[in-house]
């Protein structure tokens, strides 16, 4: 994803927002549509015309205990598929609605779409230059409090995976490659959170 032009990344953001708005029609169906917000983070918040990478955050109406940092969630993966994120020059992650959009990896973010307001066109225009953005960013106390809370949830998630890793029922739900991915993500999430906490205390 190196060498993505700012204009190309923003075009993808606008397409994603249009898709998210169109899929709101599913909210009145049995399928539902859990996406509440889209946020931009990473290099798009700076001014360079050529980006190393673009990043988006999907905010989902999912219980935080079911959506620890880096964990794969079928709802989040489905939303990503509907927005064709796998075919776009973007990295992406998801967050529960009850938590702030910033996270252990991305401390700065700006909102570009909400389920109630649609595409934030003024923000899209400001993204074209990377200037005068309304960026949400935690102070150290808020970040430490949130990371500490998330660490407990991520630790419980890792323990659940380790305890069930060789259980036949868990294995039936998670084929070998998928099981390894779940385990790696759970361990990596704890490391990222611990590193972020250590950085705050240094």
N, C-alpha and C. Protein backbone atom coordinates (compact mmCIF):
# COMPACT_ATOMS: atom_id res chain seq x y z
N UNK A 1 0.80 -1.20 0.00
CA UNK A 1 0.00 0.00 0.00
C UNK A 1 0.84 1.27 0.00
N UNK A 2 2.16 1.12 -0.18
CA UNK A 2 3.02 2.29 -0.23
C UNK A 2 2.75 3.06 -1.51
N UNK A 3 2.92 4.38 -1.45
CA UNK A 3 2.79 5.20 -2.63
C UNK A 3 1.36 5.51 -3.05
N UNK A 4 0.42 5.48 -2.14
CA UNK A 4 -0.96 5.80 -2.45
C UNK A 4 -1.10 7.32 -2.53
N UNK A 5 -1.66 7.81 -3.62
CA UNK A 5 -1.87 9.24 -3.74
C UNK A 5 -3.01 9.67 -2.81
N UNK A 6 -2.88 10.85 -2.25
CA UNK A 6 -3.91 11.38 -1.35
C UNK A 6 -5.26 11.44 -2.06
N UNK A 7 -5.27 11.89 -3.29
CA UNK A 7 -6.53 12.01 -4.02
C UNK A 7 -7.19 10.64 -4.22
N UNK A 8 -6.37 9.62 -4.45
CA UNK A 8 -6.91 8.26 -4.62
C UNK A 8 -7.50 7.75 -3.32
N UNK A 9 -6.78 7.95 -2.22
CA UNK A 9 -7.27 7.50 -0.92
C UNK A 9 -8.58 8.19 -0.57
N UNK A 10 -8.68 9.48 -0.84
CA UNK A 10 -9.91 10.22 -0.52
C UNK A 10 -11.06 9.76 -1.39
N UNK A 11 -10.78 9.45 -2.65
CA UNK A 11 -11.84 8.90 -3.51
C UNK A 11 -12.40 7.61 -2.92
N UNK A 12 -11.52 6.77 -2.40
CA UNK A 12 -11.97 5.53 -1.77
C UNK A 12 -12.81 5.82 -0.52
N UNK A 13 -12.42 6.82 0.25
CA UNK A 13 -13.19 7.18 1.43
C UNK A 13 -14.61 7.59 1.06
N UNK A 14 -14.73 8.39 0.02
CA UNK A 14 -16.05 8.86 -0.42
C UNK A 14 -16.88 7.67 -0.91
N UNK A 15 -16.26 6.75 -1.64
CA UNK A 15 -16.98 5.56 -2.12
C UNK A 15 -17.45 4.71 -0.94
N UNK A 16 -16.59 4.55 0.07
CA UNK A 16 -16.96 3.77 1.25
C UNK A 16 -18.13 4.41 1.98
N UNK A 17 -18.08 5.73 2.12
CA UNK A 17 -19.17 6.43 2.80
C UNK A 17 -20.48 6.27 2.04
N UNK A 18 -20.42 6.35 0.71
CA UNK A 18 -21.63 6.17 -0.09
C UNK A 18 -22.17 4.76 0.08
N UNK A 19 -21.27 3.76 0.11
CA UNK A 19 -21.71 2.39 0.34
C UNK A 19 -22.31 2.20 1.72
N UNK A 20 -21.71 2.83 2.72
CA UNK A 20 -22.23 2.72 4.09
C UNK A 20 -23.62 3.34 4.18
N UNK A 21 -23.82 4.46 3.51
CA UNK A 21 -25.15 5.09 3.52
C UNK A 21 -26.17 4.21 2.82
N UNK A 22 -25.80 3.66 1.69
CA UNK A 22 -26.73 2.79 0.94
C UNK A 22 -27.13 1.57 1.77
N UNK A 23 -26.17 1.03 2.52
CA UNK A 23 -26.43 -0.19 3.29
C UNK A 23 -27.23 0.07 4.56
N UNK A 24 -27.49 1.33 4.89
CA UNK A 24 -28.37 1.63 6.02
C UNK A 24 -29.76 1.04 5.81
N UNK A 25 -30.12 0.77 4.56
CA UNK A 25 -31.43 0.17 4.28
C UNK A 25 -31.59 -1.19 4.94
N UNK A 26 -30.46 -1.84 5.26
CA UNK A 26 -30.51 -3.15 5.91
C UNK A 26 -30.95 -3.08 7.36
N UNK A 27 -30.95 -1.87 7.93
CA UNK A 27 -31.31 -1.75 9.35
C UNK A 27 -32.76 -2.15 9.62
N UNK A 28 -33.59 -2.05 8.62
CA UNK A 28 -34.99 -2.45 8.79
C UNK A 28 -35.24 -3.89 8.38
N UNK A 29 -34.16 -4.62 8.12
CA UNK A 29 -34.29 -6.02 7.71
C UNK A 29 -33.76 -6.93 8.80
N UNK A 30 -33.89 -8.23 8.59
CA UNK A 30 -33.36 -9.21 9.55
C UNK A 30 -31.84 -9.22 9.56
N UNK A 31 -31.23 -8.72 8.50
CA UNK A 31 -29.76 -8.72 8.41
C UNK A 31 -29.16 -7.67 9.33
N UNK A 32 -29.71 -6.46 9.27
CA UNK A 32 -29.18 -5.36 10.08
C UNK A 32 -27.93 -4.74 9.45
N UNK A 33 -27.53 -3.60 9.99
CA UNK A 33 -26.32 -2.91 9.53
C UNK A 33 -25.71 -2.22 10.75
N UNK A 34 -24.64 -2.82 11.32
CA UNK A 34 -24.12 -2.35 12.61
C UNK A 34 -23.15 -1.18 12.54
N UNK A 35 -22.79 -0.72 11.33
CA UNK A 35 -21.81 0.35 11.22
C UNK A 35 -22.43 1.67 11.67
N UNK A 36 -21.79 2.35 12.63
CA UNK A 36 -22.28 3.62 13.14
C UNK A 36 -21.45 4.81 12.68
N UNK A 37 -20.14 4.61 12.53
CA UNK A 37 -19.26 5.73 12.18
C UNK A 37 -18.07 5.22 11.37
N UNK A 38 -17.53 6.11 10.54
CA UNK A 38 -16.26 5.89 9.85
C UNK A 38 -15.31 7.01 10.24
N UNK A 39 -14.11 6.63 10.64
CA UNK A 39 -13.09 7.60 11.02
C UNK A 39 -11.84 7.38 10.18
N UNK A 40 -11.11 8.46 9.94
CA UNK A 40 -9.83 8.39 9.23
C UNK A 40 -8.71 8.58 10.24
N UNK A 41 -7.62 7.85 10.03
CA UNK A 41 -6.46 7.98 10.91
C UNK A 41 -5.20 7.81 10.08
N UNK A 42 -4.05 7.77 10.72
CA UNK A 42 -2.80 7.52 10.02
C UNK A 42 -2.34 8.68 9.16
N UNK A 43 -1.67 8.33 8.05
CA UNK A 43 -1.01 9.33 7.21
C UNK A 43 -1.97 10.33 6.56
N UNK A 44 -3.23 9.96 6.43
CA UNK A 44 -4.20 10.88 5.82
C UNK A 44 -4.42 12.14 6.66
N UNK A 45 -4.02 12.10 7.92
CA UNK A 45 -4.18 13.28 8.78
C UNK A 45 -3.04 14.27 8.61
N UNK A 46 -2.04 13.90 7.82
CA UNK A 46 -0.92 14.80 7.55
C UNK A 46 -1.12 15.46 6.18
N UNK A 47 -0.11 16.16 5.70
CA UNK A 47 -0.28 16.99 4.50
C UNK A 47 0.35 16.41 3.24
N UNK A 48 1.06 15.29 3.33
CA UNK A 48 1.77 14.77 2.16
C UNK A 48 0.80 14.36 1.05
N UNK A 49 1.19 14.62 -0.20
CA UNK A 49 0.38 14.22 -1.34
C UNK A 49 0.51 12.73 -1.63
N UNK A 50 1.66 12.17 -1.28
CA UNK A 50 1.90 10.74 -1.46
C UNK A 50 1.92 10.10 -0.08
N UNK A 51 1.01 9.15 0.14
CA UNK A 51 0.87 8.55 1.47
C UNK A 51 1.60 7.22 1.54
N UNK A 52 2.21 6.96 2.68
CA UNK A 52 2.76 5.63 2.91
C UNK A 52 1.62 4.63 3.06
N UNK A 53 0.59 5.04 3.76
CA UNK A 53 -0.58 4.17 3.94
C UNK A 53 -1.76 5.03 4.41
N UNK A 54 -2.96 4.63 4.02
CA UNK A 54 -4.17 5.24 4.54
C UNK A 54 -4.84 4.28 5.50
N UNK A 55 -5.52 4.79 6.50
CA UNK A 55 -6.15 3.92 7.50
C UNK A 55 -7.53 4.43 7.87
N UNK A 56 -8.47 3.51 8.03
CA UNK A 56 -9.81 3.85 8.46
C UNK A 56 -10.21 2.99 9.66
N UNK A 57 -11.10 3.55 10.46
CA UNK A 57 -11.62 2.87 11.65
C UNK A 57 -13.12 2.72 11.48
N UNK A 58 -13.61 1.50 11.59
CA UNK A 58 -15.04 1.22 11.53
C UNK A 58 -15.57 1.14 12.96
N UNK A 59 -16.52 1.97 13.29
CA UNK A 59 -17.12 1.95 14.63
C UNK A 59 -18.44 1.18 14.54
N UNK A 60 -18.51 0.09 15.29
CA UNK A 60 -19.62 -0.85 15.18
C UNK A 60 -20.45 -0.90 16.46
N UNK A 61 -21.73 -1.13 16.29
CA UNK A 61 -22.63 -1.31 17.43
C UNK A 61 -22.52 -2.77 17.89
N UNK A 62 -21.39 -3.07 18.53
CA UNK A 62 -21.08 -4.41 19.03
C UNK A 62 -20.56 -4.24 20.45
N UNK A 63 -20.90 -5.16 21.33
CA UNK A 63 -20.47 -5.07 22.72
C UNK A 63 -18.94 -5.06 22.82
N UNK A 64 -18.35 -4.18 23.62
CA UNK A 64 -16.89 -4.11 23.74
C UNK A 64 -16.24 -5.44 24.11
N UNK A 65 -16.90 -6.22 24.96
CA UNK A 65 -16.31 -7.51 25.36
C UNK A 65 -16.17 -8.45 24.18
N UNK A 66 -16.97 -8.22 23.13
CA UNK A 66 -16.90 -9.07 21.93
C UNK A 66 -15.97 -8.50 20.87
N UNK A 67 -15.37 -7.35 21.16
CA UNK A 67 -14.55 -6.68 20.14
C UNK A 67 -13.25 -6.15 20.73
N UNK A 68 -12.46 -7.03 21.39
CA UNK A 68 -11.17 -6.57 21.92
C UNK A 68 -10.23 -6.18 20.78
N UNK A 69 -9.24 -5.41 21.10
CA UNK A 69 -8.31 -4.89 20.11
C UNK A 69 -7.69 -6.03 19.28
N UNK A 70 -7.72 -5.87 17.97
CA UNK A 70 -7.17 -6.76 16.95
C UNK A 70 -7.93 -8.07 16.76
N UNK A 71 -8.91 -8.35 17.61
CA UNK A 71 -9.64 -9.61 17.47
C UNK A 71 -10.50 -9.59 16.21
N UNK A 72 -10.52 -10.72 15.51
CA UNK A 72 -11.42 -10.86 14.37
C UNK A 72 -12.85 -11.07 14.87
N UNK A 73 -13.77 -10.37 14.24
CA UNK A 73 -15.17 -10.52 14.61
C UNK A 73 -15.98 -10.69 13.33
N UNK A 74 -16.86 -11.68 13.27
CA UNK A 74 -17.59 -11.92 12.01
C UNK A 74 -18.38 -10.71 11.53
N UNK A 75 -18.94 -9.94 12.45
CA UNK A 75 -19.69 -8.75 12.04
C UNK A 75 -18.76 -7.71 11.42
N UNK A 76 -17.63 -7.48 12.06
CA UNK A 76 -16.67 -6.52 11.51
C UNK A 76 -16.13 -6.96 10.17
N UNK A 77 -15.84 -8.26 10.02
CA UNK A 77 -15.34 -8.76 8.74
C UNK A 77 -16.39 -8.63 7.65
N UNK A 78 -17.64 -8.87 8.01
CA UNK A 78 -18.73 -8.75 7.03
C UNK A 78 -18.89 -7.30 6.58
N UNK A 79 -18.85 -6.36 7.52
CA UNK A 79 -18.95 -4.96 7.16
C UNK A 79 -17.79 -4.57 6.23
N UNK A 80 -16.59 -5.03 6.56
CA UNK A 80 -15.44 -4.76 5.71
C UNK A 80 -15.63 -5.29 4.30
N UNK A 81 -16.21 -6.47 4.19
CA UNK A 81 -16.47 -7.05 2.87
C UNK A 81 -17.48 -6.21 2.10
N UNK A 82 -18.53 -5.76 2.78
CA UNK A 82 -19.56 -4.97 2.11
C UNK A 82 -19.00 -3.64 1.60
N UNK A 83 -18.03 -3.10 2.30
CA UNK A 83 -17.41 -1.84 1.88
C UNK A 83 -16.21 -2.06 0.96
N UNK A 84 -15.96 -3.33 0.60
CA UNK A 84 -14.90 -3.71 -0.32
C UNK A 84 -13.52 -3.24 0.17
N UNK A 85 -13.32 -3.32 1.48
CA UNK A 85 -12.06 -2.83 2.03
C UNK A 85 -10.87 -3.68 1.60
N UNK A 86 -11.10 -4.96 1.37
CA UNK A 86 -10.01 -5.81 0.93
C UNK A 86 -9.47 -5.45 -0.44
N UNK A 87 -10.25 -4.68 -1.21
CA UNK A 87 -9.83 -4.28 -2.55
C UNK A 87 -9.39 -2.82 -2.61
N UNK A 88 -9.31 -2.18 -1.47
CA UNK A 88 -8.95 -0.76 -1.44
C UNK A 88 -7.54 -0.58 -0.85
N UNK A 89 -6.85 0.52 -1.22
CA UNK A 89 -5.50 0.77 -0.70
C UNK A 89 -5.53 1.36 0.70
N UNK A 90 -6.14 0.63 1.62
CA UNK A 90 -6.33 1.12 2.98
C UNK A 90 -6.09 -0.01 3.98
N UNK A 91 -5.51 0.36 5.10
CA UNK A 91 -5.57 -0.51 6.27
C UNK A 91 -6.84 -0.17 7.03
N UNK A 92 -7.34 -1.13 7.81
CA UNK A 92 -8.56 -0.83 8.55
C UNK A 92 -8.62 -1.68 9.81
N UNK A 93 -9.37 -1.15 10.77
CA UNK A 93 -9.63 -1.86 12.01
C UNK A 93 -11.03 -1.46 12.46
N UNK A 94 -11.55 -2.16 13.48
CA UNK A 94 -12.86 -1.77 13.98
C UNK A 94 -12.84 -1.60 15.49
N UNK A 95 -13.80 -0.77 15.93
CA UNK A 95 -13.92 -0.43 17.34
C UNK A 95 -15.38 -0.50 17.75
N UNK A 96 -15.66 -0.85 19.01
CA UNK A 96 -17.05 -0.81 19.49
C UNK A 96 -17.51 0.62 19.71
N UNK A 97 -18.78 0.86 19.51
CA UNK A 97 -19.36 2.20 19.64
C UNK A 97 -19.14 2.78 21.04
N UNK A 98 -19.12 1.93 22.05
CA UNK A 98 -18.99 2.41 23.44
C UNK A 98 -17.59 2.94 23.75
N UNK A 99 -16.63 2.62 22.92
CA UNK A 99 -15.26 3.08 23.15
C UNK A 99 -14.91 4.22 22.21
N UNK A 100 -13.88 5.02 22.56
CA UNK A 100 -13.45 6.07 21.64
C UNK A 100 -12.85 5.46 20.37
N UNK A 101 -12.85 6.18 19.26
CA UNK A 101 -12.29 5.61 18.03
C UNK A 101 -10.78 5.44 18.09
N UNK A 102 -10.08 6.34 18.81
CA UNK A 102 -8.65 6.14 18.95
C UNK A 102 -8.39 4.85 19.72
N UNK A 103 -7.21 4.29 19.53
CA UNK A 103 -6.94 2.94 20.00
C UNK A 103 -5.45 2.76 20.27
N UNK A 104 -5.00 1.59 20.68
CA UNK A 104 -3.59 1.42 21.02
C UNK A 104 -2.63 1.77 19.89
N UNK A 105 -3.07 1.63 18.64
CA UNK A 105 -2.20 1.89 17.50
C UNK A 105 -2.38 3.29 16.93
N UNK A 106 -3.61 3.76 16.91
CA UNK A 106 -3.93 5.04 16.28
C UNK A 106 -4.47 6.00 17.33
N UNK A 107 -3.69 7.03 17.66
CA UNK A 107 -4.06 7.96 18.72
C UNK A 107 -4.83 9.17 18.20
N UNK A 108 -4.78 9.42 16.88
CA UNK A 108 -5.42 10.59 16.28
C UNK A 108 -6.40 10.13 15.21
N UNK A 109 -7.58 10.72 15.19
CA UNK A 109 -8.59 10.33 14.20
C UNK A 109 -9.55 11.46 13.95
N UNK A 110 -10.16 11.45 12.78
CA UNK A 110 -11.20 12.43 12.45
C UNK A 110 -12.36 11.70 11.78
N UNK A 111 -13.56 12.12 12.12
CA UNK A 111 -14.78 11.45 11.63
C UNK A 111 -15.13 11.93 10.23
N UNK A 112 -15.49 10.98 9.33
CA UNK A 112 -15.91 11.36 7.98
C UNK A 112 -17.33 10.92 7.65
N UNK A 113 -17.93 10.05 8.47
CA UNK A 113 -19.27 9.54 8.17
C UNK A 113 -19.92 9.06 9.45
N UNK A 114 -21.21 9.32 9.59
CA UNK A 114 -22.00 8.73 10.68
C UNK A 114 -23.30 8.21 10.11
N UNK A 115 -23.89 7.25 10.80
CA UNK A 115 -25.16 6.69 10.35
C UNK A 115 -26.28 7.72 10.38
N UNK A 116 -26.18 8.69 11.26
CA UNK A 116 -27.23 9.71 11.37
C UNK A 116 -27.00 10.91 10.45
N UNK A 117 -25.74 11.21 10.14
CA UNK A 117 -25.45 12.41 9.37
C UNK A 117 -24.90 12.18 7.98
N UNK A 118 -24.52 10.94 7.66
CA UNK A 118 -23.95 10.66 6.36
C UNK A 118 -22.53 11.18 6.22
N UNK A 119 -22.11 11.40 4.97
CA UNK A 119 -20.76 11.87 4.69
C UNK A 119 -20.57 13.31 5.19
N UNK A 120 -19.46 13.52 5.89
CA UNK A 120 -19.09 14.87 6.35
C UNK A 120 -18.27 15.52 5.23
N UNK A 121 -18.93 16.20 4.33
CA UNK A 121 -18.26 16.75 3.16
C UNK A 121 -17.24 17.83 3.51
N UNK A 122 -17.50 18.72 4.49
CA UNK A 122 -16.45 19.69 4.87
C UNK A 122 -15.16 19.01 5.32
N UNK A 123 -15.28 17.91 6.07
CA UNK A 123 -14.07 17.19 6.50
C UNK A 123 -13.36 16.57 5.32
N UNK A 124 -14.11 16.02 4.37
CA UNK A 124 -13.49 15.46 3.16
C UNK A 124 -12.70 16.55 2.43
N UNK A 125 -13.26 17.74 2.34
CA UNK A 125 -12.54 18.84 1.68
C UNK A 125 -11.28 19.20 2.44
N UNK A 126 -11.35 19.22 3.76
CA UNK A 126 -10.15 19.53 4.55
C UNK A 126 -9.10 18.42 4.43
N UNK A 127 -9.56 17.18 4.25
CA UNK A 127 -8.62 16.07 4.08
C UNK A 127 -7.82 16.22 2.79
N UNK A 128 -8.38 16.88 1.79
CA UNK A 128 -7.68 17.03 0.52
C UNK A 128 -6.35 17.77 0.71
N UNK A 129 -6.32 18.67 1.68
CA UNK A 129 -5.08 19.38 1.97
C UNK A 129 -4.39 18.87 3.23
N UNK A 130 -5.14 18.14 4.07
CA UNK A 130 -4.59 17.67 5.33
C UNK A 130 -4.47 18.75 6.38
N UNK A 131 -5.19 19.86 6.18
CA UNK A 131 -5.07 21.00 7.11
C UNK A 131 -6.42 21.31 7.75
N UNK A 132 -6.34 21.91 8.95
CA UNK A 132 -7.52 22.40 9.67
C UNK A 132 -8.52 21.27 9.99
N UNK A 133 -8.00 20.09 10.24
CA UNK A 133 -8.87 18.96 10.56
C UNK A 133 -9.29 18.99 12.02
N UNK A 134 -10.50 18.52 12.28
CA UNK A 134 -10.99 18.40 13.65
C UNK A 134 -10.59 17.01 14.15
N UNK A 135 -9.44 16.94 14.78
CA UNK A 135 -8.85 15.66 15.17
C UNK A 135 -9.16 15.37 16.63
N UNK A 136 -9.61 14.14 16.88
CA UNK A 136 -9.85 13.67 18.24
C UNK A 136 -8.60 12.93 18.70
N UNK A 137 -8.12 13.31 19.89
CA UNK A 137 -6.89 12.72 20.42
C UNK A 137 -6.96 12.74 21.94
N UNK A 138 -6.64 11.61 22.59
CA UNK A 138 -6.75 11.58 24.05
C UNK A 138 -5.58 12.26 24.73
N UNK A 139 -5.81 12.77 25.95
CA UNK A 139 -4.66 13.17 26.76
C UNK A 139 -4.10 11.90 27.42
N UNK A 140 -2.99 12.04 28.10
CA UNK A 140 -2.32 10.86 28.65
C UNK A 140 -3.17 10.12 29.69
N UNK A 141 -3.90 10.87 30.50
CA UNK A 141 -4.73 10.23 31.53
C UNK A 141 -5.85 9.41 30.90
N UNK A 142 -6.52 9.99 29.90
CA UNK A 142 -7.59 9.26 29.23
C UNK A 142 -7.05 8.04 28.50
N UNK A 143 -5.91 8.20 27.87
CA UNK A 143 -5.32 7.08 27.14
C UNK A 143 -4.94 5.96 28.09
N UNK A 144 -4.30 6.31 29.21
CA UNK A 144 -3.90 5.28 30.18
C UNK A 144 -5.12 4.55 30.74
N UNK A 145 -6.16 5.29 31.06
CA UNK A 145 -7.37 4.67 31.60
C UNK A 145 -8.01 3.72 30.60
N UNK A 146 -8.10 4.16 29.34
CA UNK A 146 -8.72 3.32 28.32
C UNK A 146 -7.87 2.08 28.03
N UNK A 147 -6.57 2.27 27.92
CA UNK A 147 -5.68 1.13 27.65
C UNK A 147 -5.72 0.11 28.79
N UNK A 148 -5.76 0.59 30.01
CA UNK A 148 -5.83 -0.33 31.16
C UNK A 148 -7.12 -1.13 31.12
N UNK A 149 -8.22 -0.47 30.81
CA UNK A 149 -9.51 -1.16 30.69
C UNK A 149 -9.46 -2.19 29.56
N UNK A 150 -8.93 -1.80 28.42
CA UNK A 150 -8.87 -2.72 27.29
C UNK A 150 -7.93 -3.89 27.56
N UNK A 151 -6.89 -3.65 28.36
CA UNK A 151 -5.96 -4.74 28.64
C UNK A 151 -6.66 -5.88 29.36
N UNK A 152 -7.54 -5.57 30.29
CA UNK A 152 -8.28 -6.62 31.01
C UNK A 152 -9.12 -7.43 30.04
N UNK A 153 -9.78 -6.75 29.11
CA UNK A 153 -10.63 -7.45 28.14
C UNK A 153 -9.78 -8.28 27.18
N UNK A 154 -8.66 -7.74 26.73
CA UNK A 154 -7.78 -8.48 25.82
C UNK A 154 -7.15 -9.68 26.51
N UNK A 155 -6.81 -9.53 27.79
CA UNK A 155 -6.25 -10.65 28.55
C UNK A 155 -7.27 -11.78 28.68
N UNK A 156 -8.51 -11.43 28.98
CA UNK A 156 -9.57 -12.44 29.08
C UNK A 156 -9.80 -13.11 27.73
N UNK A 157 -9.72 -12.34 26.65
CA UNK A 157 -9.89 -12.90 25.31
C UNK A 157 -8.78 -13.90 24.98
N UNK A 158 -7.53 -13.53 25.31
CA UNK A 158 -6.41 -14.43 25.07
C UNK A 158 -6.56 -15.71 25.89
N UNK A 159 -6.95 -15.58 27.14
CA UNK A 159 -7.13 -16.76 27.98
C UNK A 159 -8.20 -17.70 27.41
N UNK A 160 -9.29 -17.12 26.90
CA UNK A 160 -10.34 -17.94 26.30
C UNK A 160 -9.81 -18.73 25.11
N UNK A 161 -9.00 -18.09 24.29
CA UNK A 161 -8.44 -18.78 23.12
C UNK A 161 -7.47 -19.88 23.56
N UNK A 162 -6.59 -19.57 24.50
CA UNK A 162 -5.61 -20.57 24.96
C UNK A 162 -6.32 -21.74 25.62
N UNK A 163 -7.32 -21.47 26.44
CA UNK A 163 -8.04 -22.55 27.12
C UNK A 163 -8.79 -23.45 26.14
N UNK A 164 -9.27 -22.85 25.05
CA UNK A 164 -10.06 -23.66 24.11
C UNK A 164 -9.31 -24.14 22.89
N UNK A 165 -8.02 -23.78 22.79
CA UNK A 165 -7.27 -23.97 21.55
C UNK A 165 -7.29 -25.41 21.06
N UNK A 166 -7.17 -26.36 21.96
CA UNK A 166 -7.14 -27.77 21.55
C UNK A 166 -8.46 -28.49 21.79
N UNK A 167 -9.47 -27.76 22.20
CA UNK A 167 -10.77 -28.39 22.42
C UNK A 167 -11.45 -28.66 21.08
N UNK A 168 -11.99 -29.86 20.89
CA UNK A 168 -12.60 -30.22 19.59
C UNK A 168 -13.69 -29.23 19.15
N UNK A 169 -14.52 -28.79 20.09
CA UNK A 169 -15.60 -27.89 19.72
C UNK A 169 -15.06 -26.56 19.20
N UNK A 170 -14.02 -26.02 19.87
CA UNK A 170 -13.43 -24.76 19.42
C UNK A 170 -12.75 -24.96 18.08
N UNK A 171 -12.07 -26.11 17.91
CA UNK A 171 -11.37 -26.40 16.66
C UNK A 171 -12.33 -26.55 15.48
N UNK A 172 -13.51 -27.06 15.76
CA UNK A 172 -14.49 -27.19 14.67
C UNK A 172 -14.93 -25.81 14.17
N UNK A 173 -15.00 -24.85 15.08
CA UNK A 173 -15.39 -23.49 14.69
C UNK A 173 -14.24 -22.72 14.05
N UNK A 174 -13.00 -23.15 14.31
CA UNK A 174 -11.83 -22.42 13.85
C UNK A 174 -10.84 -23.39 13.21
N UNK A 175 -10.83 -23.51 11.89
CA UNK A 175 -9.83 -24.35 11.21
C UNK A 175 -8.42 -23.93 11.57
N UNK A 176 -7.45 -24.77 11.25
CA UNK A 176 -6.08 -24.59 11.74
C UNK A 176 -5.50 -23.21 11.47
N UNK A 177 -5.53 -22.74 10.22
CA UNK A 177 -4.95 -21.43 9.91
C UNK A 177 -5.68 -20.32 10.65
N UNK A 178 -7.00 -20.42 10.71
CA UNK A 178 -7.79 -19.41 11.39
C UNK A 178 -7.51 -19.41 12.89
N UNK A 179 -7.34 -20.61 13.47
CA UNK A 179 -7.04 -20.71 14.90
C UNK A 179 -5.72 -20.02 15.22
N UNK A 180 -4.72 -20.23 14.39
CA UNK A 180 -3.43 -19.59 14.60
C UNK A 180 -3.54 -18.07 14.49
N UNK A 181 -4.36 -17.60 13.55
CA UNK A 181 -4.54 -16.16 13.39
C UNK A 181 -5.21 -15.56 14.63
N UNK A 182 -6.23 -16.23 15.15
CA UNK A 182 -6.89 -15.75 16.36
C UNK A 182 -5.90 -15.67 17.52
N UNK A 183 -5.08 -16.71 17.68
CA UNK A 183 -4.11 -16.73 18.77
C UNK A 183 -3.07 -15.63 18.59
N UNK A 184 -2.55 -15.48 17.37
CA UNK A 184 -1.53 -14.45 17.12
C UNK A 184 -2.10 -13.07 17.39
N UNK A 185 -3.31 -12.79 16.92
CA UNK A 185 -3.91 -11.48 17.11
C UNK A 185 -4.13 -11.17 18.58
N UNK A 186 -4.58 -12.16 19.34
CA UNK A 186 -4.82 -11.94 20.77
C UNK A 186 -3.51 -11.62 21.50
N UNK A 187 -2.45 -12.35 21.14
CA UNK A 187 -1.15 -12.10 21.77
C UNK A 187 -0.59 -10.75 21.33
N UNK A 188 -0.68 -10.44 20.03
CA UNK A 188 -0.16 -9.18 19.52
C UNK A 188 -0.89 -7.99 20.12
N UNK A 189 -2.20 -8.13 20.35
CA UNK A 189 -2.97 -7.04 20.94
C UNK A 189 -2.45 -6.70 22.33
N UNK A 190 -2.21 -7.73 23.13
CA UNK A 190 -1.69 -7.48 24.48
C UNK A 190 -0.32 -6.81 24.43
N UNK A 191 0.52 -7.24 23.51
CA UNK A 191 1.84 -6.63 23.39
C UNK A 191 1.71 -5.15 23.01
N UNK A 192 0.83 -4.85 22.05
CA UNK A 192 0.64 -3.45 21.64
C UNK A 192 0.14 -2.60 22.80
N UNK A 193 -0.81 -3.13 23.55
CA UNK A 193 -1.35 -2.38 24.68
C UNK A 193 -0.28 -2.17 25.74
N UNK A 194 0.47 -3.23 26.04
CA UNK A 194 1.54 -3.11 27.04
C UNK A 194 2.61 -2.11 26.60
N UNK A 195 2.97 -2.16 25.31
CA UNK A 195 3.96 -1.21 24.80
C UNK A 195 3.46 0.22 24.91
N UNK A 196 2.17 0.42 24.62
CA UNK A 196 1.60 1.77 24.70
C UNK A 196 1.60 2.27 26.14
N UNK A 197 1.27 1.39 27.08
CA UNK A 197 1.27 1.76 28.50
C UNK A 197 2.70 2.06 28.98
N UNK A 198 3.65 1.25 28.52
CA UNK A 198 5.04 1.46 28.91
C UNK A 198 5.54 2.80 28.37
N UNK A 199 5.14 3.13 27.15
CA UNK A 199 5.54 4.41 26.56
C UNK A 199 4.99 5.58 27.36
N UNK A 200 3.78 5.43 27.86
CA UNK A 200 3.19 6.50 28.67
C UNK A 200 3.96 6.70 29.97
N UNK A 201 4.47 5.62 30.52
CA UNK A 201 5.13 5.67 31.82
C UNK A 201 6.63 5.96 31.72
N UNK A 202 7.13 6.04 30.50
CA UNK A 202 8.58 6.25 30.34
C UNK A 202 8.94 7.73 30.48
